């Protein structure tokens, strides 16, 4: 068996924290940006000069 200089526990902790950081960044920045706000926030509908129909 080969001995390594870095302890397993600290390496595993660094990997878990890095992954958690990436997941939290995606959940709280990228997804609400694409949705136009966080879920549950009141949204003010944009005033339009004429009725809009997506056809």
Protein backbone atom coordinates (compact mmCIF):
# COMPACT_ATOMS: atom_id res chain seq x y z
CA UNK A 1 0.00 0.00 0.00
CA UNK A 2 1.29 3.44 -0.88
CA UNK A 3 1.41 6.17 1.72
CA UNK A 4 0.34 9.66 0.70
CA UNK A 5 1.31 12.95 2.25
CA UNK A 6 -2.23 14.39 2.32
CA UNK A 7 -4.67 12.91 4.83
CA UNK A 8 -7.81 11.39 3.40
CA UNK A 9 -10.24 13.19 5.68
CA UNK A 10 -9.10 16.71 4.79
CA UNK A 11 -9.15 15.89 1.07
CA UNK A 12 -12.65 14.45 1.34
CA UNK A 13 -13.84 17.48 3.31
CA UNK A 14 -12.43 19.83 0.66
CA UNK A 15 -14.22 17.92 -2.11
CA UNK A 16 -17.54 17.92 -0.25
CA UNK A 17 -17.34 21.64 0.55
CA UNK A 18 -16.37 22.51 -3.02
CA UNK A 19 -19.27 20.51 -4.40
CA UNK A 20 -21.67 22.10 -1.91
CA UNK A 21 -20.45 25.56 -2.92
CA UNK A 22 -21.10 24.85 -6.61
CA UNK A 23 -24.57 23.45 -5.93
CA UNK A 24 -25.55 26.39 -3.71
CA UNK A 25 -24.24 28.89 -6.26
CA UNK A 26 -26.34 27.27 -8.96
CA UNK A 27 -29.43 27.05 -6.78
CA UNK A 28 -29.40 30.62 -5.48
CA UNK A 29 -27.89 32.62 -8.36
CA UNK A 30 -28.29 30.94 -11.74
CA UNK A 31 -31.77 29.43 -11.40
CA UNK A 32 -33.50 32.55 -9.94
CA UNK A 33 -31.79 34.68 -12.60
CA UNK A 34 -33.29 32.48 -15.33
CA UNK A 35 -36.71 32.56 -13.63
CA UNK A 36 -36.68 36.32 -13.11
CA UNK A 37 -36.62 36.12 -9.30
CA UNK A 38 -36.69 33.74 -6.39
CA UNK A 39 -39.76 31.52 -6.06
CA UNK A 40 -42.28 33.13 -3.75
CA UNK A 41 -41.19 36.72 -4.40
CA UNK A 42 -43.97 39.02 -5.51
CA UNK A 43 -43.60 39.90 -9.16
CA UNK A 44 -44.82 43.13 -10.65
CA UNK A 45 -46.20 42.46 -14.12
CA UNK A 46 -44.76 44.73 -16.77
CA UNK A 47 -47.21 47.24 -18.13
CA UNK A 48 -47.81 46.73 -21.82
CA UNK A 49 -49.21 49.21 -24.25
CA UNK A 50 -51.30 46.58 -26.04
CA UNK A 51 -52.53 43.08 -25.22
CA UNK A 52 -49.87 40.45 -25.70
CA UNK A 53 -50.52 37.08 -27.21
CA UNK A 54 -47.63 34.63 -27.77
CA UNK A 55 -48.48 33.45 -31.31
